[in-house]
Amino acid sequence: MKRYVIVGGGVAGIHCVEGIRSVDPAGSITLVSAEADSNYGRPLISYYLEGATDEERMSYRGSDFYEKNSVRALHGVSAEKLDPAAKTVTLSDGQTLPYDALCMAAGSSPFVPPFTGLDTVPPEKKFTFMTLADARGLMQAVTPESRVLIIGGGLIGLKCAEGLYAHTKHLTVCDLAPHVLSSILQPESAELVEKHLTEKGIRLMLGDSAKEFQGSRALMNSGETVEFD
């Protein structure tokens, strides 16, 4: 019996399971996911935060997917070492998984610039916005009076702002670029988006970003200080 190991519980990992089962209904499949959750649509986390969807509807293959496909799913552990010669993967919990075929579908992780003083911001007050766990954490942390600073005016930053808009009206978005969505929009079209955002009460600080953090204060490149929760 062939042994398959899949690293990653996102769309690619799930489709890999289906591909294997289409040609090998009997092989052993182990799926490793660093997230406690898997089998959900990551692009939907802003709608979850907004309250426009729920966790059940975010699942694109159903809660019984692993059972139906005889998959051993290991959540909350990550692959730390790969030995191609021995054909093994060592996990963060110390397990070693042998394999005959391996699929690496771990996806990406957020890049957080090495801001000076970022370690002075309490862990419960700083988030990335990439996973369902991130959305849950923001939902619990933000109140109607919370002042939220979002660093990055690209798709992820603005989707985060969209999701948080239902929870607080104190939103500031900064970006080093001179306009929002700089990777996909020209200045003329970005101006339409910026007008919409500012009319909703979202403060935009464009051509500016944090230079240093001091607890709940961000010192900006422009010299301005932004207080946040």
C-alpha atoms as a PDB file:
ATOM      1  CA  MET A   1       0.000   0.000   0.000  1.00  0.00           C
ATOM      2  CA  LYS A   2       1.437   3.354  -1.035  1.00  0.00           C
ATOM      3  CA  ARG A   3       1.997   5.984   1.670  1.00  0.00           C
ATOM      4  CA  TYR A   4       1.175   9.602   0.808  1.00  0.00           C
ATOM      5  CA  VAL A   5       2.018  12.653   2.931  1.00  0.00           C
ATOM      6  CA  ILE A   6       0.506  16.054   2.139  1.00  0.00           C
ATOM      7  CA  VAL A   7       1.862  19.151   3.894  1.00  0.00           C
ATOM      8  CA  GLY A   8      -0.826  21.842   3.839  1.00  0.00           C
ATOM      9  CA  GLY A   9      -4.564  21.808   4.481  1.00  0.00           C
ATOM     10  CA  GLY A  10      -5.618  24.495   2.032  1.00  0.00           C
ATOM     11  CA  VAL A  11      -7.177  24.264  -1.420  1.00  0.00           C
ATOM     12  CA  ALA A  12      -4.097  22.623  -2.972  1.00  0.00           C
ATOM     13  CA  GLY A  13      -3.846  20.003  -0.227  1.00  0.00           C
ATOM     14  CA  ILE A  14      -7.536  19.156  -0.424  1.00  0.00           C
ATOM     15  CA  HIS A  15      -7.428  18.786  -4.211  1.00  0.00           C
ATOM     16  CA  CYS A  16      -4.348  16.607  -3.855  1.00  0.00           C
ATOM     17  CA  VAL A  17      -6.385  14.259  -1.639  1.00  0.00           C
ATOM     18  CA  GLU A  18      -9.098  14.085  -4.294  1.00  0.00           C
ATOM     19  CA  GLY A  19      -6.547  13.503  -7.039  1.00  0.00           C
ATOM     20  CA  ILE A  20      -4.941  10.639  -5.131  1.00  0.00           C
ATOM     21  CA  ARG A  21      -8.266   9.021  -4.348  1.00  0.00           C
ATOM     22  CA  SER A  22      -9.289   9.187  -8.011  1.00  0.00           C
ATOM     23  CA  VAL A  23      -6.433   6.822  -8.896  1.00  0.00           C
ATOM     24  CA  ASP A  24      -5.639   5.076  -5.604  1.00  0.00           C
ATOM     25  CA  PRO A  25      -8.614   4.365  -3.332  1.00  0.00           C
ATOM     26  CA  ALA A  26      -6.581   2.233  -0.923  1.00  0.00           C
ATOM     27  CA  GLY A  27      -3.366   4.190  -0.296  1.00  0.00           C
ATOM     28  CA  SER A  28      -2.554   5.680   3.102  1.00  0.00           C
ATOM     29  CA  ILE A  29      -2.930   9.488   3.179  1.00  0.00           C
ATOM     30  CA  THR A  30      -1.678  11.700   6.016  1.00  0.00           C
ATOM     31  CA  LEU A  31      -2.364  15.435   5.781  1.00  0.00           C
ATOM     32  CA  VAL A  32      -0.374  17.845   7.956  1.00  0.00           C
ATOM     33  CA  SER A  33      -1.679  21.354   8.637  1.00  0.00           C
ATOM     34  CA  ALA A  34      -0.045  23.947  10.883  1.00  0.00           C
ATOM     35  CA  GLU A  35      -3.464  25.531  11.353  1.00  0.00           C
ATOM     36  CA  ALA A  36      -5.961  24.144  13.816  1.00  0.00           C
ATOM     37  CA  ASP A  37      -8.491  24.671  11.019  1.00  0.00           C
ATOM     38  CA  SER A  38      -8.323  23.498   7.448  1.00  0.00           C
ATOM     39  CA  ASN A  39     -10.678  22.873   4.552  1.00  0.00           C
ATOM     40  CA  TYR A  40     -11.988  26.448   4.535  1.00  0.00           C
ATOM     41  CA  GLY A  41     -11.798  29.285   2.048  1.00  0.00           C
ATOM     42  CA  ARG A  42      -9.151  31.764   3.182  1.00  0.00           C
ATOM     43  CA  PRO A  43     -10.518  34.596   1.012  1.00  0.00           C
ATOM     44  CA  LEU A  44     -13.717  34.382   3.072  1.00  0.00           C
ATOM     45  CA  ILE A  45     -12.145  35.413   6.390  1.00  0.00           C
ATOM     46  CA  SER A  46     -13.035  39.085   5.842  1.00  0.00           C
ATOM     47  CA  TYR A  47     -16.671  38.116   5.280  1.00  0.00           C
ATOM     48  CA  TYR A  48     -16.559  35.988   8.437  1.00  0.00           C
ATOM     49  CA  LEU A  49     -15.172  38.969  10.362  1.00  0.00           C
ATOM     50  CA  GLU A  50     -17.865  41.166   8.862  1.00  0.00           C
ATOM     51  CA  GLY A  51     -20.568  38.690   9.890  1.00  0.00           C
ATOM     52  CA  ALA A  52     -21.602  37.940   6.300  1.00  0.00           C
ATOM     53  CA  THR A  53     -20.770  34.226   6.546  1.00  0.00           C
ATOM     54  CA  ASP A  54     -20.085  31.583   9.171  1.00  0.00           C
ATOM     55  CA  GLU A  55     -17.590  28.773   9.659  1.00  0.00           C
ATOM     56  CA  GLU A  56     -19.927  26.111   8.312  1.00  0.00           C
ATOM     57  CA  ARG A  57     -20.390  27.930   5.012  1.00  0.00           C
ATOM     58  CA  MET A  58     -16.649  28.626   4.762  1.00  0.00           C
ATOM     59  CA  SER A  59     -15.929  24.906   4.526  1.00  0.00           C
ATOM     60  CA  TYR A  60     -15.760  23.910   0.856  1.00  0.00           C
ATOM     61  CA  ARG A  61     -15.732  20.140   1.303  1.00  0.00           C
ATOM     62  CA  GLY A  62     -17.744  19.505   4.466  1.00  0.00           C
ATOM     63  CA  SER A  63     -16.680  18.410   7.940  1.00  0.00           C
ATOM     64  CA  ASP A  64     -16.702  14.716   6.954  1.00  0.00           C
ATOM     65  CA  PHE A  65     -14.263  15.153   4.041  1.00  0.00           C
ATOM     66  CA  TYR A  66     -11.289  13.503   5.758  1.00  0.00           C
ATOM     67  CA  GLU A  67     -13.336  10.613   7.091  1.00  0.00           C
ATOM     68  CA  LYS A  68     -14.957   9.938   3.711  1.00  0.00           C
ATOM     69  CA  ASN A  69     -11.557   9.886   2.030  1.00  0.00           C
ATOM     70  CA  SER A  70      -9.809   7.879   4.768  1.00  0.00           C
ATOM     71  CA  VAL A  71      -7.368  10.694   5.512  1.00  0.00           C
ATOM     72  CA  ARG A  72      -5.391  10.938   8.722  1.00  0.00           C
ATOM     73  CA  ALA A  73      -5.478  14.703   9.326  1.00  0.00           C
ATOM     74  CA  LEU A  74      -2.954  16.186  11.762  1.00  0.00           C
ATOM     75  CA  HIS A  75      -3.869  19.763  12.689  1.00  0.00           C
ATOM     76  CA  GLY A  76      -1.840  22.241  14.699  1.00  0.00           C
ATOM     77  CA  VAL A  77       1.516  20.700  13.769  1.00  0.00           C
ATOM     78  CA  SER A  78       3.992  21.769  11.128  1.00  0.00           C
ATOM     79  CA  ALA A  79       6.601  20.019   9.018  1.00  0.00           C
ATOM     80  CA  GLU A  80      10.067  20.980  10.271  1.00  0.00           C
ATOM     81  CA  LYS A  81      12.492  18.683   8.481  1.00  0.00           C
ATOM     82  CA  LEU A  82      12.455  16.825   5.190  1.00  0.00           C
ATOM     83  CA  ASP A  83      14.832  13.941   4.492  1.00  0.00           C
ATOM     84  CA  PRO A  84      14.462  13.050   0.795  1.00  0.00           C
ATOM     85  CA  ALA A  85      16.993  10.215   1.014  1.00  0.00           C
ATOM     86  CA  ALA A  86      15.159   8.475   3.845  1.00  0.00           C
ATOM     87  CA  LYS A  87      11.774   9.667   2.535  1.00  0.00           C
ATOM     88  CA  THR A  88      10.627  11.018   5.893  1.00  0.00           C
ATOM     89  CA  VAL A  89       9.080  14.234   7.204  1.00  0.00           C
ATOM     90  CA  THR A  90       9.705  15.241  10.822  1.00  0.00           C
ATOM     91  CA  LEU A  91       6.949  17.250  12.494  1.00  0.00           C
ATOM     92  CA  SER A  92       7.009  19.925  15.200  1.00  0.00           C
ATOM     93  CA  ASP A  93       5.600  17.457  17.738  1.00  0.00           C
ATOM     94  CA  GLY A  94       8.469  15.018  17.145  1.00  0.00           C
ATOM     95  CA  GLN A  95       6.615  12.574  14.911  1.00  0.00           C
ATOM     96  CA  THR A  96       8.412  11.222  11.854  1.00  0.00           C
ATOM     97  CA  LEU A  97       6.256  10.319   8.879  1.00  0.00           C
ATOM     98  CA  PRO A  98       7.577   7.939   6.205  1.00  0.00           C
ATOM     99  CA  TYR A  99       6.274   8.451   2.683  1.00  0.00           C
ATOM    100  CA  ASP A 100       6.369   7.007  -0.787  1.00  0.00           C
ATOM    101  CA  ALA A 101       4.998  10.206  -2.345  1.00  0.00           C
ATOM    102  CA  LEU A 102       5.069  13.702  -0.860  1.00  0.00           C
ATOM    103  CA  CYS A 103       3.090  16.819  -1.779  1.00  0.00           C
ATOM    104  CA  MET A 104       4.345  20.138  -0.370  1.00  0.00           C
ATOM    105  CA  ALA A 105       1.355  22.491  -0.423  1.00  0.00           C
ATOM    106  CA  ALA A 106       2.063  24.614   2.649  1.00  0.00           C
ATOM    107  CA  GLY A 107       1.229  27.914   0.962  1.00  0.00           C
ATOM    108  CA  SER A 108       2.536  31.276   2.100  1.00  0.00           C
ATOM    109  CA  SER A 109       2.855  33.032   5.446  1.00  0.00           C
ATOM    110  CA  PRO A 110       2.550  36.760   6.210  1.00  0.00           C
ATOM    111  CA  PHE A 111       5.672  38.908   5.893  1.00  0.00           C
ATOM    112  CA  VAL A 112       6.001  41.226   8.882  1.00  0.00           C
ATOM    113  CA  PRO A 113       8.684  43.884   8.369  1.00  0.00           C
ATOM    114  CA  PRO A 114      11.227  44.211  11.211  1.00  0.00           C
ATOM    115  CA  PHE A 115       9.702  47.380  12.675  1.00  0.00           C
ATOM    116  CA  THR A 116      11.627  48.946  15.529  1.00  0.00           C
ATOM    117  CA  GLY A 117       9.753  48.391  18.784  1.00  0.00           C
ATOM    118  CA  LEU A 118       7.179  46.001  17.379  1.00  0.00           C
ATOM    119  CA  ASP A 119       7.946  43.712  20.322  1.00  0.00           C
ATOM    120  CA  THR A 120       6.624  46.427  22.673  1.00  0.00           C
ATOM    121  CA  VAL A 121       3.100  45.954  21.255  1.00  0.00           C
ATOM    122  CA  PRO A 122       1.337  43.340  23.435  1.00  0.00           C
ATOM    123  CA  PRO A 123       0.722  40.050  21.557  1.00  0.00           C
ATOM    124  CA  GLU A 124      -3.025  40.299  22.115  1.00  0.00           C
ATOM    125  CA  LYS A 125      -3.049  43.663  20.312  1.00  0.00           C
ATOM    126  CA  LYS A 126      -1.244  42.769  17.075  1.00  0.00           C
ATOM    127  CA  PHE A 127      -2.445  40.525  14.295  1.00  0.00           C
ATOM    128  CA  THR A 128      -1.776  39.445  10.762  1.00  0.00           C
ATOM    129  CA  PHE A 129      -4.773  38.753   8.511  1.00  0.00           C
ATOM    130  CA  MET A 130      -4.259  35.471   6.732  1.00  0.00           C
ATOM    131  CA  THR A 131      -6.180  32.774   8.587  1.00  0.00           C
ATOM    132  CA  LEU A 132      -9.485  32.021  10.248  1.00  0.00           C
ATOM    133  CA  ALA A 133      -7.675  32.161  13.598  1.00  0.00           C
ATOM    134  CA  ASP A 134      -6.571  35.732  12.783  1.00  0.00           C
ATOM    135  CA  ALA A 135     -10.178  36.720  12.069  1.00  0.00           C
ATOM    136  CA  ARG A 136     -11.394  35.126  15.312  1.00  0.00           C
ATOM    137  CA  GLY A 137      -8.713  36.944  17.285  1.00  0.00           C
ATOM    138  CA  LEU A 138      -9.617  40.316  15.783  1.00  0.00           C
ATOM    139  CA  MET A 139     -13.303  39.688  16.381  1.00  0.00           C
ATOM    140  CA  GLN A 140     -12.646  39.106  20.073  1.00  0.00           C
ATOM    141  CA  ALA A 141     -10.182  41.967  20.492  1.00  0.00           C
ATOM    142  CA  VAL A 142     -11.969  44.818  18.695  1.00  0.00           C
ATOM    143  CA  THR A 143     -14.803  46.778  20.318  1.00  0.00           C
ATOM    144  CA  PRO A 144     -16.847  49.707  18.932  1.00  0.00           C
ATOM    145  CA  GLU A 145     -14.410  52.107  20.637  1.00  0.00           C
ATOM    146  CA  SER A 146     -11.209  50.386  19.485  1.00  0.00           C
ATOM    147  CA  ARG A 147      -8.779  52.419  17.395  1.00  0.00           C
ATOM    148  CA  VAL A 148      -7.376  50.103  14.738  1.00  0.00           C
ATOM    149  CA  LEU A 149      -4.236  50.773  12.712  1.00  0.00           C
ATOM    150  CA  ILE A 150      -3.850  48.664   9.565  1.00  0.00           C
ATOM    151  CA  ILE A 151      -0.412  48.683   7.979  1.00  0.00           C
ATOM    152  CA  GLY A 152      -0.816  47.995   4.278  1.00  0.00           C
ATOM    153  CA  GLY A 153      -3.325  49.369   1.806  1.00  0.00           C
ATOM    154  CA  GLY A 154      -3.299  46.405  -0.543  1.00  0.00           C
ATOM    155  CA  LEU A 155      -5.972  43.757  -0.979  1.00  0.00           C
ATOM    156  CA  ILE A 156      -5.382  42.090   2.398  1.00  0.00           C
ATOM    157  CA  GLY A 157      -5.262  45.358   4.325  1.00  0.00           C
ATOM    158  CA  LEU A 158      -8.420  46.709   2.719  1.00  0.00           C
ATOM    159  CA  LYS A 159     -10.282  43.399   3.128  1.00  0.00           C
ATOM    160  CA  CYS A 160      -9.338  43.535   6.794  1.00  0.00           C
ATOM    161  CA  ALA A 161     -10.713  47.074   6.989  1.00  0.00           C
ATOM    162  CA  GLU A 162     -13.914  45.930   5.289  1.00  0.00           C
ATOM    163  CA  GLY A 163     -14.366  43.136   7.811  1.00  0.00           C
ATOM    164  CA  LEU A 164     -13.628  45.367  10.805  1.00  0.00           C
ATOM    165  CA  TYR A 165     -15.920  48.175   9.653  1.00  0.00           C
ATOM    166  CA  ALA A 166     -18.886  46.451  11.292  1.00  0.00           C
ATOM    167  CA  HIS A 167     -17.030  46.320  14.625  1.00  0.00           C
ATOM    168  CA  THR A 168     -15.498  49.801  14.912  1.00  0.00           C
ATOM    169  CA  LYS A 169     -15.522  53.072  13.022  1.00  0.00           C
ATOM    170  CA  HIS A 170     -12.024  54.061  14.188  1.00  0.00           C
ATOM    171  CA  LEU A 171      -9.950  52.692  11.314  1.00  0.00           C
ATOM    172  CA  THR A 172      -6.672  54.056   9.979  1.00  0.00           C
ATOM    173  CA  VAL A 173      -4.960  52.488   6.963  1.00  0.00           C
ATOM    174  CA  CYS A 174      -1.396  53.465   6.073  1.00  0.00           C
ATOM    175  CA  ASP A 175       0.750  52.457   3.124  1.00  0.00           C
ATOM    176  CA  LEU A 176       4.127  53.516   1.780  1.00  0.00           C
ATOM    177  CA  ALA A 177       2.645  53.659  -1.704  1.00  0.00           C
ATOM    178  CA  PRO A 178       1.050  56.955  -2.804  1.00  0.00           C
ATOM    179  CA  HIS A 179      -2.315  55.293  -3.411  1.00  0.00           C
ATOM    180  CA  VAL A 180      -4.271  52.218  -2.285  1.00  0.00           C
ATOM    181  CA  LEU A 181      -4.116  48.906  -4.127  1.00  0.00           C
ATOM    182  CA  SER A 182      -0.929  50.058  -5.821  1.00  0.00           C
ATOM    183  CA  SER A 183      -0.132  46.627  -7.251  1.00  0.00           C
ATOM    184  CA  ILE A 184      -3.363  46.445  -9.255  1.00  0.00           C
ATOM    185  CA  LEU A 185      -4.730  49.975  -9.743  1.00  0.00           C
ATOM    186  CA  GLN A 186      -3.514  53.079 -11.531  1.00  0.00           C
ATOM    187  CA  PRO A 187      -3.765  56.356  -9.551  1.00  0.00           C
ATOM    188  CA  GLU A 188      -6.956  57.440 -11.335  1.00  0.00           C
ATOM    189  CA  SER A 189      -8.895  54.289 -10.437  1.00  0.00           C
ATOM    190  CA  ALA A 190      -7.359  54.120  -6.959  1.00  0.00           C
ATOM    191  CA  GLU A 191      -8.713  57.619  -6.351  1.00  0.00           C
ATOM    192  CA  LEU A 192     -12.272  56.288  -6.720  1.00  0.00           C
ATOM    193  CA  VAL A 193     -11.611  53.625  -4.095  1.00  0.00           C
ATOM    194  CA  GLU A 194      -9.979  56.149  -1.765  1.00  0.00           C
ATOM    195  CA  LYS A 195     -12.976  58.479  -2.081  1.00  0.00           C
ATOM    196  CA  HIS A 196     -15.314  55.635  -1.152  1.00  0.00           C
ATOM    197  CA  LEU A 197     -13.192  54.670   1.875  1.00  0.00           C
ATOM    198  CA  THR A 198     -12.857  58.184   3.224  1.00  0.00           C
ATOM    199  CA  GLU A 199     -16.583  58.788   2.803  1.00  0.00           C
ATOM    200  CA  LYS A 200     -17.095  55.744   5.041  1.00  0.00           C
ATOM    201  CA  GLY A 201     -14.935  57.402   7.700  1.00  0.00           C
ATOM    202  CA  ILE A 202     -11.766  55.362   7.150  1.00  0.00           C
ATOM    203  CA  ARG A 203      -8.637  57.469   7.557  1.00  0.00           C
ATOM    204  CA  LEU A 204      -5.971  56.929   4.899  1.00  0.00           C
ATOM    205  CA  MET A 205      -2.306  57.768   5.456  1.00  0.00           C
ATOM    206  CA  LEU A 206      -0.721  57.234   2.052  1.00  0.00           C
ATOM    207  CA  GLY A 207       2.961  57.605   1.302  1.00  0.00           C
ATOM    208  CA  ASP A 208       3.469  56.976   5.004  1.00  0.00           C
ATOM    209  CA  SER A 209       4.017  54.043   7.342  1.00  0.00           C
ATOM    210  CA  ALA A 210       5.178  53.182  10.841  1.00  0.00           C
ATOM    211  CA  LYS A 211       8.817  53.858  11.639  1.00  0.00           C
ATOM    212  CA  GLU A 212       8.734  52.764  15.274  1.00  0.00           C
ATOM    213  CA  PHE A 213       6.307  51.366  17.824  1.00  0.00           C
ATOM    214  CA  GLN A 214       6.127  52.368  21.471  1.00  0.00           C
ATOM    215  CA  GLY A 215       3.476  50.177  23.060  1.00  0.00           C
ATOM    216  CA  SER A 216       0.174  51.453  21.697  1.00  0.00           C
ATOM    217  CA  ARG A 217       1.722  54.297  19.702  1.00  0.00           C
ATOM    218  CA  ALA A 218       3.077  54.223  16.178  1.00  0.00           C
ATOM    219  CA  LEU A 219       5.638  56.828  15.208  1.00  0.00           C
ATOM    220  CA  MET A 220       5.177  57.426  11.490  1.00  0.00           C
ATOM    221  CA  ASN A 221       7.770  58.317   8.875  1.00  0.00           C
ATOM    222  CA  SER A 222       5.964  61.642   8.432  1.00  0.00           C
ATOM    223  CA  GLY A 223       6.604  62.523  12.080  1.00  0.00           C
ATOM    224  CA  GLU A 224       2.971  62.015  13.098  1.00  0.00           C
ATOM    225  CA  THR A 225       2.036  59.784  16.022  1.00  0.00           C
ATOM    226  CA  VAL A 226      -0.900  57.380  15.721  1.00  0.00           C
ATOM    227  CA  GLU A 227      -2.459  55.966  18.881  1.00  0.00           C
ATOM    228  CA  PHE A 228      -4.084  52.554  18.482  1.00  0.00           C
ATOM    229  CA  ASP A 229      -5.667  49.753  20.504  1.00  0.00           C
END
